[in-house]
Amino acid sequence: MTGWLVTARFLKPNINAMALFPFILIREDAMRNDKVLLNHERIHLRQQAELLVLPFYILYLLNYLLSLARYRRHYPAYRNISFEREAYDKEADLHYLGRRRWYNWLAYL
């Protein structure tokens, strides 16, 4: 699953990309060449697909709210969402999706 790349200049300056199944939104055209960034977002596309999209967004939000209650700040809460933990941990491994097991994000809860 590669995702359709769409340049979305409306993304905030602190957001480089975002996976919204089946699209990967990128802030600038130059980001089309950032293999690590795109791999991170493709991991999210796989997570979204295996949860049939809508449940992913519900679980993502619940996970964020629980993390926010724990850490009291946006950035640590965001980085501790299980989906983000998997994506950040494996983003540099460009072959990860070829061997990733289904629901592997559960290992990051």
Protein backbone atom coordinates (compact mmCIF):
# COMPACT_ATOMS: atom_id res chain seq x y z
CA MET A 1 0.00 0.00 0.00
CA THR A 2 1.73 3.12 -1.19
CA GLY A 3 -0.99 5.74 -0.76
CA TRP A 4 -1.77 8.54 -3.16
CA LEU A 5 0.51 11.50 -2.55
CA VAL A 6 -1.26 14.84 -2.39
CA THR A 7 0.46 18.16 -1.76
CA ALA A 8 -1.56 19.94 0.92
CA ARG A 9 -0.09 23.35 1.57
CA PHE A 10 -2.78 23.98 4.19
CA LEU A 11 -1.00 21.70 6.68
CA LYS A 12 0.37 23.59 9.66
CA PRO A 13 4.11 24.35 9.54
CA ASN A 14 4.77 21.79 12.29
CA ILE A 15 2.99 19.03 10.33
CA ASN A 16 5.01 17.66 7.42
CA ALA A 17 2.64 14.89 6.41
CA MET A 18 -0.53 13.09 7.38
CA ALA A 19 -2.05 9.77 6.38
CA LEU A 20 -5.78 9.95 5.65
CA PHE A 21 -6.67 6.66 4.02
CA PRO A 22 -5.99 6.20 1.12
CA PHE A 23 -4.01 9.45 0.81
CA ILE A 24 -0.73 10.75 2.17
CA LEU A 25 -0.91 14.51 2.49
CA ILE A 26 2.44 16.27 2.30
CA ARG A 27 3.08 19.94 2.97
CA GLU A 28 5.62 20.49 0.17
CA ASP A 29 6.37 18.77 -3.14
CA ALA A 30 9.99 18.24 -2.06
CA MET A 31 8.75 15.83 0.62
CA ARG A 32 7.85 13.33 -2.13
CA ASN A 33 11.52 12.25 -1.99
CA ASP A 34 11.68 11.78 1.80
CA LYS A 35 11.62 7.98 2.03
CA VAL A 36 11.58 7.91 5.84
CA LEU A 37 8.67 10.35 6.09
CA LEU A 38 6.67 8.43 3.48
CA ASN A 39 7.43 5.11 5.17
CA HIS A 40 6.13 6.55 8.47
CA GLU A 41 2.89 7.56 6.77
CA ARG A 42 2.59 4.23 4.92
CA ILE A 43 2.80 2.46 8.27
CA HIS A 44 -0.21 4.55 9.33
CA LEU A 45 -2.03 3.59 6.12
CA ARG A 46 -1.48 -0.09 6.95
CA GLN A 47 -2.74 0.48 10.51
CA GLN A 48 -5.81 2.25 9.11
CA ALA A 49 -6.51 -0.52 6.59
CA GLU A 50 -6.27 -3.32 9.12
CA LEU A 51 -8.75 -1.51 11.40
CA LEU A 52 -11.08 -0.68 8.51
CA VAL A 53 -10.26 3.04 8.77
CA LEU A 54 -12.91 4.51 11.08
CA PRO A 55 -12.01 2.42 14.17
CA PHE A 56 -8.40 3.53 13.65
CA TYR A 57 -9.37 7.18 14.08
CA ILE A 58 -11.49 6.40 17.14
CA LEU A 59 -8.70 4.38 18.78
CA TYR A 60 -6.13 7.03 17.80
CA LEU A 61 -8.17 9.75 19.51
CA LEU A 62 -8.84 7.66 22.62
CA ASN A 63 -5.17 6.72 22.87
CA TYR A 64 -4.22 10.40 22.52
CA LEU A 65 -6.70 11.51 25.20
CA LEU A 66 -5.44 8.88 27.65
CA SER A 67 -1.85 9.92 26.94
CA LEU A 68 -2.78 13.58 27.33
CA ALA A 69 -4.32 12.87 30.74
CA ARG A 70 -1.10 11.14 31.72
CA TYR A 71 1.51 13.54 30.29
CA ARG A 72 -0.48 16.82 30.38
CA ARG A 73 1.25 18.11 27.24
CA HIS A 74 0.46 17.60 23.57
CA TYR A 75 3.84 16.44 22.26
CA PRO A 76 4.54 13.65 24.78
CA ALA A 77 0.91 12.56 24.49
CA TYR A 78 1.16 12.43 20.69
CA ARG A 79 4.48 10.53 20.75
CA ASN A 80 3.01 7.93 23.10
CA ILE A 81 0.04 7.02 20.93
CA SER A 82 0.64 3.34 20.14
CA PHE A 83 0.20 3.93 16.40
CA GLU A 84 2.81 6.70 16.46
CA ARG A 85 5.19 4.67 18.59
CA GLU A 86 5.21 1.91 15.98
CA ALA A 87 5.54 4.35 13.07
CA TYR A 88 8.40 6.31 14.65
CA ASP A 89 10.16 3.14 15.78
CA LYS A 90 10.08 1.56 12.31
CA GLU A 91 10.07 4.58 9.94
CA ALA A 92 13.75 4.23 9.01
CA ASP A 93 13.33 0.52 8.18
CA LEU A 94 12.22 0.82 4.57
CA HIS A 95 11.54 -2.94 4.37
CA TYR A 96 9.41 -3.07 7.53
CA LEU A 97 6.02 -3.17 5.83
CA GLY A 98 7.09 -6.22 3.83
CA ARG A 99 7.46 -8.27 7.00
CA ARG A 100 5.17 -6.45 9.43
CA ARG A 101 2.62 -8.63 11.18
CA TRP A 102 -1.01 -7.58 11.29
CA TYR A 103 -1.97 -5.52 14.35
CA ASN A 104 1.65 -5.05 15.31
CA TRP A 105 0.75 -1.67 16.83
CA LEU A 106 -0.70 -3.66 19.78
CA ALA A 107 2.88 -4.41 20.85
CA TYR A 108 3.27 -0.66 21.48
CA LEU A 109 0.37 -0.28 23.94
